[in-house]
Every structure is written in C-alpha cells, then in structure tokens.
Protein backbone atom coordinates (compact mmCIF):
# COMPACT_ATOMS: atom_id res chain seq x y z
CA MET A 1 -14.87 39.19 15.38
CA LYS A 2 -13.67 36.51 17.80
CA LYS A 3 -17.35 35.50 18.31
CA LEU A 4 -17.74 34.95 14.48
CA GLN A 5 -14.40 33.03 14.30
CA VAL A 6 -15.51 30.80 17.27
CA TYR A 7 -18.90 30.39 15.48
CA THR A 8 -17.13 29.24 12.47
CA LEU A 9 -15.16 26.61 14.25
CA ARG A 10 -18.44 25.35 15.98
CA GLU A 11 -20.01 25.00 12.60
CA PHE A 12 -16.97 23.15 11.19
CA PHE A 13 -16.12 20.51 13.79
CA PRO A 14 -19.42 18.54 13.92
CA PRO A 15 -19.55 17.87 10.09
CA PHE A 16 -15.84 17.11 10.24
CA LEU A 17 -16.25 14.51 12.94
CA ILE A 18 -19.29 12.93 11.16
CA SER A 19 -17.48 12.97 7.86
CA ALA A 20 -14.41 11.32 9.16
CA GLY A 21 -16.55 8.72 10.86
CA ILE A 22 -18.47 7.85 7.64
CA PHE A 23 -15.23 7.71 5.70
CA THR A 24 -13.68 5.38 8.27
CA PHE A 25 -16.85 3.16 8.21
CA VAL A 26 -16.66 2.92 4.50
CA MET A 27 -13.06 1.91 4.56
CA LEU A 28 -13.76 -0.59 7.19
CA LEU A 29 -16.44 -2.45 5.25
CA ASP A 30 -13.71 -4.30 3.25
CA LYS A 31 -12.12 -5.28 6.51
CA LEU A 32 -15.29 -6.25 8.36
CA LEU A 33 -16.03 -9.35 6.29
CA ASP A 34 -12.32 -10.64 6.96
CA LEU A 35 -12.81 -9.87 10.70
CA LEU A 36 -16.18 -11.76 10.77
CA ASP A 37 -14.57 -14.67 8.93
CA MET A 38 -11.90 -14.87 11.69
CA ILE A 39 -14.68 -15.39 14.29
CA VAL A 40 -17.03 -17.71 12.33
CA SER A 41 -14.91 -20.04 10.23
CA LYS A 42 -11.38 -19.69 11.79
CA GLY A 43 -12.48 -19.98 15.45
CA VAL A 44 -10.29 -16.83 16.48
CA PRO A 45 -11.59 -15.44 19.82
CA VAL A 46 -13.74 -12.23 19.55
CA ARG A 47 -11.44 -10.33 21.96
CA THR A 48 -8.49 -10.95 19.46
CA VAL A 49 -10.62 -9.77 16.55
CA ILE A 50 -11.46 -6.54 18.43
CA GLU A 51 -7.80 -6.04 19.04
CA VAL A 52 -7.02 -6.39 15.24
CA PHE A 53 -9.82 -4.06 14.54
CA LEU A 54 -8.35 -1.40 16.93
CA LEU A 55 -4.93 -1.82 15.39
CA LEU A 56 -6.10 -1.38 11.90
CA LEU A 57 -7.93 1.97 12.92
CA PRO A 58 -4.74 4.18 12.98
CA SER A 59 -3.91 3.39 9.26
CA MET A 60 -7.37 4.68 8.24
CA VAL A 61 -7.39 7.62 10.46
CA ALA A 62 -4.21 8.82 8.80
CA VAL A 63 -6.05 8.93 5.60
CA VAL A 64 -9.63 9.94 6.53
CA VAL A 65 -8.58 13.14 8.51
CA PRO A 66 -7.79 15.24 5.45
CA MET A 67 -10.94 13.92 3.75
CA GLY A 68 -12.99 14.89 6.73
CA VAL A 69 -11.50 18.35 6.73
CA LEU A 70 -12.57 19.03 3.16
CA ALA A 71 -16.13 17.64 3.78
CA GLY A 72 -16.46 19.50 7.08
CA VAL A 73 -15.31 22.90 5.52
CA LEU A 74 -17.57 22.41 2.68
CA MET A 75 -20.62 21.74 4.57
CA ALA A 76 -20.01 24.36 7.29
CA VAL A 77 -19.34 27.18 4.78
CA GLY A 78 -22.05 25.84 2.40
CA ARG A 79 -24.73 25.96 5.18
CA MET A 80 -23.67 29.47 6.22
CA GLU A 81 -23.84 30.61 2.56
CA SER A 82 -27.30 29.05 2.03
CA ASP A 83 -28.58 30.80 5.25
CA LEU A 84 -27.22 34.04 3.82
CA GLU A 85 -25.00 34.50 6.77
CA VAL A 86 -22.02 34.93 4.49
CA THR A 87 -23.95 37.65 2.55
CA ALA A 88 -24.83 39.45 5.76
CA MET A 89 -21.17 39.20 6.80
CA LYS A 90 -19.96 40.80 3.47
CA ALA A 91 -22.69 43.49 3.95
CA SER A 92 -21.11 44.34 7.30
CA GLY A 93 -17.68 44.76 5.66
CA ILE A 94 -16.23 41.59 7.12
CA SER A 95 -13.83 39.84 4.68
CA ILE A 96 -13.83 36.19 3.63
CA PHE A 97 -10.50 35.85 5.44
CA THR A 98 -12.52 36.09 8.72
CA LEU A 99 -13.89 32.78 7.73
CA LEU A 100 -10.59 31.48 6.49
CA LYS A 101 -8.44 32.21 9.42
CA PRO A 102 -10.09 29.98 12.19
CA LEU A 103 -10.40 27.26 9.62
CA MET A 104 -6.70 27.53 8.70
CA LEU A 105 -5.70 27.57 12.33
CA ALA A 106 -7.71 24.30 12.90
CA ALA A 107 -6.14 22.75 9.73
CA LEU A 108 -2.66 23.77 10.98
CA ILE A 109 -3.33 22.13 14.42
CA LEU A 110 -4.80 18.93 12.77
CA SER A 111 -1.84 18.83 10.39
CA SER A 112 0.68 19.09 13.27
CA VAL A 113 -1.26 16.39 15.26
CA MET A 114 -1.32 14.09 12.30
CA VAL A 115 2.54 14.51 11.60
CA LEU A 116 3.00 13.44 15.27
CA PHE A 117 0.54 10.56 14.90
CA ASN A 118 2.10 9.37 11.61
CA ASN A 119 5.60 9.23 13.40
CA TYR A 120 4.85 7.86 16.73
CA VAL A 121 1.55 6.06 16.74
CA LEU A 122 0.92 4.64 13.26
CA PRO A 123 4.32 2.74 12.88
CA ASP A 124 3.82 0.83 16.17
CA ALA A 125 0.17 0.19 15.38
CA ASN A 126 1.11 -1.13 11.85
CA HIS A 127 3.76 -3.36 13.45
CA LEU A 128 1.50 -4.76 16.03
CA ALA A 129 -1.19 -5.32 13.65
CA LYS A 130 1.16 -7.28 11.25
CA ASN A 131 2.61 -9.37 14.05
CA LEU A 132 -0.96 -10.09 15.42
CA LEU A 133 -2.23 -11.27 11.92
CA LEU A 134 0.86 -13.34 11.58
CA ASP A 135 0.09 -14.99 14.86
CA ILE A 136 -3.41 -15.57 13.95
CA GLY A 137 -2.32 -17.15 10.74
CA THR A 138 -0.08 -19.58 12.66
CA MET A 139 -2.81 -20.27 15.09
CA ARG A 140 -5.21 -21.16 12.22
CA PRO A 141 -2.88 -22.81 9.63
CA ALA A 142 -5.61 -23.62 7.19
CA ALA A 143 -5.98 -19.96 6.53
CA LYS A 144 -2.28 -19.88 5.45
CA ILE A 145 -2.53 -22.44 2.61
CA ILE A 146 -2.05 -20.28 -0.41
CA PRO A 147 -1.74 -21.63 -4.03
CA GLY A 148 1.82 -21.65 -5.33
CA ILE A 149 3.40 -20.72 -1.94
CA PHE A 150 5.11 -23.10 0.53
CA VAL A 151 3.49 -22.91 3.92
CA ASP A 152 5.93 -23.63 6.68
CA ASP A 153 4.16 -22.16 9.58
CA ILE A 154 2.50 -25.41 10.60
CA ASP A 155 4.48 -27.59 12.96
CA ASN A 156 6.01 -30.68 11.46
CA TYR A 157 4.58 -29.91 8.04
CA ARG A 158 5.56 -27.97 4.90
CA ILE A 159 2.71 -27.81 2.44
CA ILE A 160 2.23 -26.44 -1.05
CA VAL A 161 -0.80 -26.67 -3.51
CA SER A 162 -1.25 -25.50 -7.10
CA ASP A 163 -4.91 -24.54 -6.61
CA LYS A 164 -7.30 -24.17 -3.74
CA ASP A 165 -11.08 -23.54 -3.75
CA ASP A 166 -11.87 -21.40 -0.56
CA LEU A 167 -15.63 -22.29 -0.79
CA THR A 168 -15.32 -26.02 -1.01
CA GLY A 169 -11.85 -26.60 0.42
CA ASP A 170 -10.80 -28.63 -2.59
CA LEU A 171 -7.12 -28.73 -3.42
CA GLU A 172 -4.97 -29.75 -6.38
CA ASN A 173 -1.49 -31.06 -6.81
CA VAL A 174 -0.75 -31.30 -3.18
CA VAL A 175 2.79 -31.82 -1.82
CA ILE A 176 3.40 -32.38 1.93
CA HIS A 177 6.82 -32.57 3.54
CA GLU A 178 6.28 -34.36 6.87
CA ARG A 179 9.03 -33.82 9.44
CA VAL A 180 7.68 -35.33 12.84
CA PRO A 181 10.43 -35.50 15.44
CA GLY A 182 11.74 -39.06 15.99
CA THR A 183 11.19 -40.24 12.38
CA ASN A 184 12.99 -40.04 9.21
CA GLY A 185 10.41 -37.87 7.58
CA ARG A 186 8.50 -38.38 4.33
CA THR A 187 7.13 -36.60 1.45
CA ILE A 188 3.35 -37.11 0.42
CA THR A 189 2.04 -36.12 -2.91
CA ALA A 190 -1.60 -36.27 -4.28
CA LEU A 191 -3.35 -35.17 -7.38
CA LYS A 192 -6.34 -33.91 -5.41
CA GLY A 193 -7.25 -33.16 -1.78
CA ARG A 194 -9.77 -31.46 0.45
CA MET A 195 -9.58 -29.61 3.70
CA GLU A 196 -12.11 -30.64 6.33
CA PRO A 197 -12.53 -28.61 9.52
CA VAL A 198 -12.90 -30.87 12.51
CA SER A 199 -12.99 -28.55 15.54
CA ALA A 200 -11.90 -25.06 16.44
CA ASN A 201 -8.29 -26.23 16.68
CA ARG A 202 -8.11 -29.15 14.11
CA PHE A 203 -8.56 -29.70 10.59
CA ARG A 204 -7.87 -32.70 8.27
CA LEU A 205 -6.39 -32.95 4.76
CA VAL A 206 -8.19 -35.71 2.86
CA LEU A 207 -5.85 -36.77 -0.07
CA ASN A 208 -6.72 -38.71 -3.16
CA ASP A 209 -4.60 -40.57 -5.85
CA GLY A 210 -1.31 -40.08 -4.27
CA GLN A 211 2.19 -41.41 -3.30
CA MET A 212 4.17 -41.59 -0.16
CA HIS A 213 7.96 -41.34 -0.30
CA GLU A 214 10.23 -42.04 2.64
CA LEU A 215 13.57 -43.58 3.79
CA SER A 216 13.57 -46.45 6.26
CA GLU A 217 15.76 -46.57 9.25
CA THR A 218 18.40 -48.60 7.10
CA GLY A 219 18.34 -45.99 4.53
CA GLU A 220 16.18 -47.95 2.16
CA TYR A 221 14.02 -45.89 -0.16
CA ARG A 222 10.22 -46.85 -0.08
CA LYS A 223 7.37 -45.71 -2.20
CA LEU A 224 3.64 -46.39 -1.43
CA ASP A 225 0.77 -45.59 -3.73
CA PHE A 226 -2.74 -44.77 -2.08
CA LEU A 227 -6.12 -44.04 -3.13
CA THR A 228 -7.09 -42.02 -0.06
CA TYR A 229 -5.00 -40.89 2.78
CA THR A 230 -5.86 -38.47 5.73
CA VAL A 231 -3.49 -36.20 7.43
CA GLU A 232 -4.60 -34.68 10.78
CA ILE A 233 -3.27 -31.15 11.70
CA THR A 234 -3.78 -29.61 15.14
CA ARG A 235 -3.18 -26.03 16.06
CA SER A 236 -2.56 -24.56 19.56
CA GLU A 237 -5.67 -23.72 21.67
CA GLU A 238 -4.16 -20.49 22.65
CA LEU A 239 -2.84 -17.59 20.51
CA ILE A 240 1.03 -17.56 20.66
CA ARG A 241 2.41 -14.09 20.25
CA GLN A 242 5.75 -13.67 18.94
CA ASP A 243 7.85 -10.37 19.05
CA ARG A 244 9.35 -9.82 15.55
CA ASN A 245 11.90 -7.08 15.36
CA ASN A 246 12.01 -6.75 11.62
CA ARG A 247 9.81 -3.84 10.32
CA GLY A 248 8.66 -2.72 6.93
CA ASP A 249 8.65 0.88 5.57
CA ARG A 250 5.17 1.61 6.97
CA GLU A 251 6.23 0.33 10.36
CA LEU A 252 8.94 2.89 10.86
CA SER A 253 9.07 6.61 11.80
CA ALA A 254 10.58 9.33 9.52
CA SER A 255 13.67 9.48 11.68
CA GLN A 256 14.21 5.75 11.61
CA MET A 257 13.77 5.75 7.89
CA ARG A 258 16.26 8.68 7.43
CA SER A 259 18.85 6.57 9.35
CA LEU A 260 18.13 3.62 7.01
CA VAL A 261 18.46 5.86 3.97
CA ASP A 262 21.88 7.19 5.28
CA SER A 263 23.03 3.59 5.64
CA LEU A 264 21.84 2.60 2.15
CA LYS A 265 23.46 5.62 0.68
CA LYS A 266 26.73 4.50 2.10
CA GLN A 267 26.14 1.06 0.69
CA SER A 268 25.30 2.62 -2.74
CA ALA A 269 28.56 4.63 -2.61
CA ALA A 270 30.57 1.43 -1.67
CA LEU A 271 28.94 -0.50 -4.62
CA THR A 272 29.75 2.42 -6.85
CA ASP A 273 33.41 2.21 -5.96
CA SER A 274 33.36 -1.55 -6.34
CA LEU A 275 31.83 -1.08 -9.82
CA ARG A 276 34.40 1.40 -10.84
CA ILE A 277 37.40 -0.77 -9.55
CA THR A 278 35.97 -4.02 -10.93
CA GLY A 279 35.15 -2.50 -14.26
CA SER A 280 38.44 -0.78 -14.74
CA ALA A 281 40.67 -3.62 -13.57
CA PRO A 282 40.75 -5.52 -17.03
CA LEU A 283 41.52 -2.23 -18.92
CA LEU A 284 44.22 -1.34 -16.43
CA ALA A 285 45.75 -4.73 -16.54
CA LEU A 286 45.94 -4.74 -20.43
CA LEU A 287 47.54 -1.34 -20.30
CA ALA A 288 50.02 -2.48 -17.80
CA ASP A 289 50.59 -5.72 -19.71
CA SER A 290 51.87 -7.52 -16.67
CA SER A 291 49.41 -6.85 -14.01
CA MET A 292 47.14 -9.43 -15.45
CA THR A 293 49.72 -12.18 -14.94
CA SER A 294 50.85 -11.20 -11.37
CA GLY A 295 48.88 -13.20 -9.05
CA ARG A 296 46.85 -14.79 -11.82
CA ALA A 297 49.15 -17.35 -13.29
CA GLY A 298 46.36 -19.83 -13.69
CA VAL A 299 44.28 -17.39 -15.61
CA PHE A 300 46.77 -15.77 -17.91
CA PRO A 301 49.76 -17.96 -18.21
CA PRO A 302 52.99 -16.84 -19.91
CA PRO A 303 52.86 -16.40 -23.80
CA ASP A 304 54.95 -19.33 -24.58
CA SER A 305 53.21 -21.94 -22.45
CA LEU A 306 50.09 -22.42 -24.44
CA ASP A 307 48.79 -22.16 -28.12
CA ASP A 308 46.78 -18.98 -29.16
CA ARG A 309 43.34 -20.68 -29.14
CA THR A 310 43.72 -21.97 -25.66
CA ARG A 311 44.95 -18.59 -24.43
CA PHE A 312 41.91 -17.01 -26.23
CA ASN A 313 39.50 -19.32 -24.48
CA ILE A 314 40.90 -18.72 -21.08
CA ALA A 315 40.82 -15.04 -21.62
CA ARG A 316 37.17 -15.18 -22.76
CA ASN A 317 36.10 -17.21 -19.91
CA PHE A 318 37.76 -14.75 -17.55
CA LEU A 319 35.94 -11.71 -19.13
CA VAL A 320 32.55 -13.50 -19.11
CA GLN A 321 32.98 -14.18 -15.32
CA HIS A 322 34.20 -10.62 -14.85
CA ALA A 323 31.04 -9.32 -16.68
CA SER A 324 28.90 -11.53 -14.55
CA ASN A 325 30.30 -9.95 -11.47
CA LEU A 326 29.83 -6.62 -12.84
CA ARG A 327 26.00 -7.37 -13.45
CA ILE A 328 25.76 -8.62 -9.90
CA LEU A 329 27.01 -5.40 -8.61
CA VAL A 330 24.77 -3.40 -10.80
CA ASP A 331 21.79 -5.36 -9.69
CA ARG A 332 22.75 -4.92 -6.09
CA LYS A 333 23.06 -1.06 -6.50
CA ALA A 334 19.82 -0.96 -8.41
CA SER A 335 18.17 -2.78 -5.52
CA VAL A 336 19.68 -0.45 -3.04
CA GLN A 337 18.54 2.57 -5.07
CA ARG A 338 14.94 1.28 -5.11
CA SER A 339 14.95 0.83 -1.35
CA ILE A 340 16.27 4.45 -0.85
CA SER A 341 13.41 5.69 -3.14
CA ARG A 342 10.81 3.47 -1.29
CA TYR A 343 11.94 4.93 2.16
CA ARG A 344 12.06 8.59 0.92
CA VAL A 345 8.41 8.12 -0.39
CA GLU A 346 7.25 7.01 2.88
CA ILE A 347 9.18 9.89 4.63
CA GLU A 348 7.49 12.51 2.38
CA LYS A 349 4.07 10.78 2.77
CA LYS A 350 4.16 11.17 6.49
CA TYR A 351 4.12 15.09 6.02
CA SER A 352 2.42 15.56 2.69
CA ILE A 353 -0.92 13.82 3.65
CA PRO A 354 -1.28 15.83 6.91
CA PHE A 355 -0.57 19.01 5.02
CA ALA A 356 -3.47 18.17 2.72
CA CYS A 357 -5.66 19.41 5.70
CA ILE A 358 -4.55 23.06 5.03
CA VAL A 359 -4.75 22.58 1.26
CA PHE A 360 -8.34 21.21 1.46
CA VAL A 361 -9.36 24.30 3.54
CA LEU A 362 -8.06 26.61 0.66
CA LEU A 363 -10.21 24.58 -1.81
CA GLY A 364 -13.21 24.03 0.64
CA VAL A 365 -14.05 27.61 1.41
CA PRO A 366 -14.57 28.56 -2.35
CA LEU A 367 -16.43 25.25 -2.96
CA GLY A 368 -18.75 26.03 0.07
CA LEU A 369 -19.33 29.58 -1.21
CA SER A 370 -20.28 28.22 -4.57
CA THR A 371 -23.34 26.31 -3.31
CA ARG A 372 -26.67 27.79 -2.74
CA LYS A 373 -29.69 26.57 -0.99
CA GLY A 374 -30.47 23.03 -2.11
CA SER A 375 -27.11 22.43 -3.79
CA ALA A 376 -25.03 21.28 -0.84
CA GLY A 377 -25.19 17.66 -2.12
CA ILE A 378 -23.82 18.76 -5.49
CA ALA A 379 -20.80 20.48 -3.90
CA LEU A 380 -20.35 17.52 -1.47
CA GLY A 381 -20.12 15.26 -4.65
CA VAL A 382 -17.48 17.55 -6.10
CA SER A 383 -15.44 17.39 -2.92
CA LEU A 384 -15.55 13.60 -3.07
CA LEU A 385 -14.36 13.76 -6.63
CA VAL A 386 -11.49 16.08 -5.55
CA ILE A 387 -10.51 13.47 -2.73
CA LEU A 388 -10.68 10.70 -5.31
CA VAL A 389 -8.45 12.63 -7.81
CA TYR A 390 -6.03 13.55 -5.09
CA TYR A 391 -5.44 9.96 -3.77
CA LEU A 392 -5.21 8.60 -7.26
CA PHE A 393 -2.47 11.17 -8.05
CA LEU A 394 -0.82 10.23 -4.72
CA ILE A 395 -0.87 6.48 -5.49
CA ALA A 396 0.33 7.03 -9.11
CA GLY A 397 3.18 9.18 -7.77
CA GLU A 398 4.13 6.56 -5.28
CA HIS A 399 4.50 3.97 -7.92
CA LEU A 400 6.47 6.26 -10.15
CA ALA A 401 8.78 7.21 -7.33
CA ASP A 402 9.26 3.59 -6.33
CA ARG A 403 10.35 2.85 -9.89
CA ARG A 404 12.71 5.96 -9.78
CA MET A 405 10.78 7.69 -12.60
CA MET A 406 10.01 10.66 -10.42
CA SER A 407 11.50 12.41 -7.37
CA PRO A 408 10.06 11.10 -4.01
CA PHE A 409 9.48 14.67 -2.97
CA LEU A 410 7.74 15.80 -6.11
CA SER A 411 5.65 12.60 -6.33
CA MET A 412 4.13 13.16 -2.79
CA TRP A 413 3.83 16.91 -2.81
CA LEU A 414 2.70 17.45 -6.34
CA PRO A 415 -1.07 16.87 -5.55
CA ASN A 416 -0.84 19.32 -2.69
CA ILE A 417 0.84 21.97 -4.91
CA ILE A 418 -1.75 21.62 -7.73
CA ILE A 419 -4.72 21.77 -5.52
CA GLY A 420 -3.16 24.37 -3.25
CA VAL A 421 -2.63 26.70 -6.18
CA PHE A 422 -6.17 26.02 -7.52
CA GLY A 423 -7.50 26.91 -4.01
CA VAL A 424 -5.63 30.02 -3.69
CA ILE A 425 -6.93 31.23 -7.12
CA LEU A 426 -10.45 30.22 -6.26
CA THR A 427 -10.11 31.94 -2.70
CA SER A 428 -8.88 35.23 -4.31
CA ARG A 429 -11.85 35.05 -6.65
CA SER A 430 -14.25 34.70 -3.91
CA LEU A 431 -13.17 37.97 -2.41
CA HIS A 432 -14.62 39.71 -5.40
CA GLU A 433 -17.24 37.31 -6.56
CA GLY A 434 -19.99 35.61 -4.41
CA ASN A 435 -19.86 32.47 -6.62
CA PRO A 436 -16.24 31.76 -7.62
CA ILE A 437 -17.17 28.43 -9.26
CA PRO A 438 -20.54 28.36 -11.19
CA ILE A 439 -21.25 24.90 -9.95
CA GLU A 440 -25.03 25.16 -10.57
CA ARG A 441 -24.55 26.38 -14.13
CA VAL A 442 -22.17 23.60 -14.86
CA VAL A 443 -24.49 21.03 -13.43
CA SER A 444 -27.63 22.46 -15.22
CA GLY A 445 -25.68 22.62 -18.42
CA MET A 446 -24.78 18.82 -18.02
CA ALA A 447 -28.26 17.98 -17.21
CA ALA A 448 -29.66 19.78 -20.34
CA PHE A 449 -27.09 18.01 -22.39
CA ALA A 450 -28.04 14.73 -21.02
CA GLY A 451 -31.70 15.32 -21.64
CA ARG A 452 -31.08 16.51 -25.23
CA PHE A 453 -28.99 13.31 -25.70
CA ARG A 454 -31.62 11.09 -24.40
CA ARG A 455 -34.40 12.86 -26.59
CA ASN A 456 -32.18 12.60 -29.64
CA GLY A 457 -31.67 8.82 -28.91
CA ILE A 458 -35.27 8.09 -28.27
CA GLY A 459 -36.27 10.07 -31.37
CA LYS A 460 -33.82 8.21 -33.62
CA SER A 461 -34.83 4.82 -32.24
CA SER A 462 -38.64 5.79 -32.87
CA ARG A 463 -37.86 6.80 -36.47
CA SER A 464 -35.94 3.47 -36.97
CA VAL A 465 -38.89 1.46 -35.67
CA ALA A 466 -41.31 3.39 -37.78
CA ASP A 467 -39.07 2.77 -40.87
CA ARG A 468 -39.15 -0.88 -40.28
C-alpha cells in the first residue's frame, strides 16, 4: 500500500512543477516587456532588472501553486486512469481513497508552506520590489512623467502635463516649476513640448509656444514669451536606494495587519463616541435651555440683546457648522471602516489561497478519473476553466468586501467552500462510478450541436443565395 502511495506522489510532483512553471511564465509575459523596456530605453542596469524580476516572482508563486496542484493532480490521475492502473487498483479491492490520501497529504504540506510563505516571505518581497521600482523611477525621471499628475521626484523640478505620447515623446500643456538652489525660482508653461533622450542619464524637454514667469531679486514680476525653450534634466549615474518604512496592505504579514485592525477599531470606537456626543449636544442644550448659552455667549446671546431674525440667523449658522462637523466625523469613520475591511480581506486571503491546494485535490481526482485515453487535453481545459472561475470569484469577492458589501471572511472563503463541496460530491460519486463526470459525453454533445448549427447555417445561406 505504501508503494502505491509513493508511486502516486511520484506521478504528481513532475506535472505539478511543470504546470507551476508554465503558469509562472505566462504571468511573467506581461512583466517581461516592462523589464526589457527598463534595459533598452531607460538605461537601467541588467543586474538591477534581474533583481526586480526575482522580487516579483514571490507574488506570482503565491498564486500559481494552487493552480499547479490542480493541473498536477489532474494529469497524474488522468494518466493512471488512461493506462488502466486505476481499473486494476479497483479490481484488487483498493479504494480511491488510497490515491486521495497521499495527494491530500502533499496538498496539506504545500498549504502550510504557502501560509508561512505568504506571511514571512511575500510581504518583504513586495516591499523591496516597490521600493526598488520607486528608486528606478527616480533614477530615470522621464519614466515618471504621467499625464495629469505632478512629478516631484526630479531634483529642482516639479512637472505636470495634460497629455503624453509614449511613442513619440510629445507633450501637451506643460507646466514646470523650477526651483534651482540659489535662485528665486520660476514657472515655465508651454502649449506643446517633446522629450528627447540625450544619454543614459540625461534627457531634455523641448518646449514650444510658452511663457516664463519669475520674480527678480528686487521682487519685481517678469514674464517672457518664447517660441522654443529647452530644459536639460540630468539623473544620477548610480541607483540611489532609499529605505521607506511605510507599507501597504500587501507588504504586511497577517499578525501585523491584525495589530493595525485592532488600532483602527479603537479609532472607530472613538469616532462613534464623538459622533454620539457631537450629535446629541444641540438637543441636550435645547432641553437644558441654558447650556447653549454657557460658554457660547457669542453664538447664542441673551434673548433681549438681539431681534428675532438676527438670533435665527446666528442659530442657523451654528447648526450648519455643527452638521458639517458631523459629516466630517461620518466620513472619517467610513474611511476607517473601509481600511479595516481591506486589511481583513488581505488577512483572509493569506490563508484562503493556500487552502485552495486541498480543495483542488478534491476536485482534481474526480476530474482525472473522468478522462479516458486521448481526453486528457479536454480535462486540462476544464481545470483551467475551474481556475479562471475560482480567481474571478476571488477578485469579485475582494471588491465587494472592500466596499463593505460582503463579509471579508465569506468573500475570500466562499470559492473554496463551493468548489470544496462540489469536489466532495464528485469524489463520493467516484467511489461507485468509474466516470463521475461524463466529460466526453458533454463535449461530444457540444460538438454535435455545433456541427448541426453550422450545417443549418450553411443550408439557410445556400437557400437564400439560390432564391436570389
């Protein structure tokens, strides 16, 4: 029995590793173009680009491991089924659970490892990757010019443009605040401009149809119109690394985020108390009839000091200001609540995604048993569809939880619950049926329907041509 379980694991791990590698490569395709662009057009050293590549890998590994588990189980069990090894096993009186036990054990180990990975490796990798990308952006400031956003990472300059063509380097509506040490500074505006790379560490901005505004040493305002003006910008030759302590939600471990959640809950409770006190203060003051005047003589003067209209205006202005303060407190509390939901989603995600390894084993075994010789590609396509649906539900749940429309726990664990229940049902069916999911019948039926649809379409088009 132990030999059979070891044999099952030996059949599982090669396709698991190959599938995980393929999924990682596919996810990296989107990043490879950006990495190559850093080398070719931005002059970033190859060693630094390789470092960025290595720091981006952990964020992908956390996602592709469950995907690799499903594909590995599917291909391993599917190959054993197509070679009639599972049939021989059943004929010998060996249950399907004999296959399931070692795969579940492997999935449990992988889930535990991924939980530790998500809490101790991934946050630091994400933090280092973010810092390095920010440093690279400072090293090559041309890359940081984004339409509609002020760029202040460039020494002595603050730049904003309304539009930018990444292919030609053309700019529109350029505003530059120049603050060179030892000068009074000036503001340069231009209707159009163009970025021109000069060398690996320099580029120039050629501005057209603009103006320069500045103050002289005597405080006199001066304005100069120009048709063409060039601004030379130089970056450092070396990459200057900065240690930034502020971290986002994906750069923290679960324990760190729990501490933040506890702190935010205390803030929320304090804001709730402030809302209750601030909201009830006018009503209590009206009931007391005198508390509004104590300490507020300027707001509510004595009854005989002013006419009724003036007193009404003073009271109305006070209540408007009071309502504004209440709205500010409500907005602050809503912001704190959203932050709590966001952190709780990330906490649950660090455990729900690794647990998907176990869920995918429950689903992958009956999927593998449903494939026969020559149908492994169909079952693999079905598994990719399951993975797509799983992550779509995960992303949708994350957005709903961030908007406080769903519990963070339910939003992150609902895909596991649904697929897990479905997998348990199919696994129990596989104990009594050799083909728990009639995949081949479904595919053949779909193929027949498609063929009939094409024939009907061709027939109708032929008759319409003949009629004409």
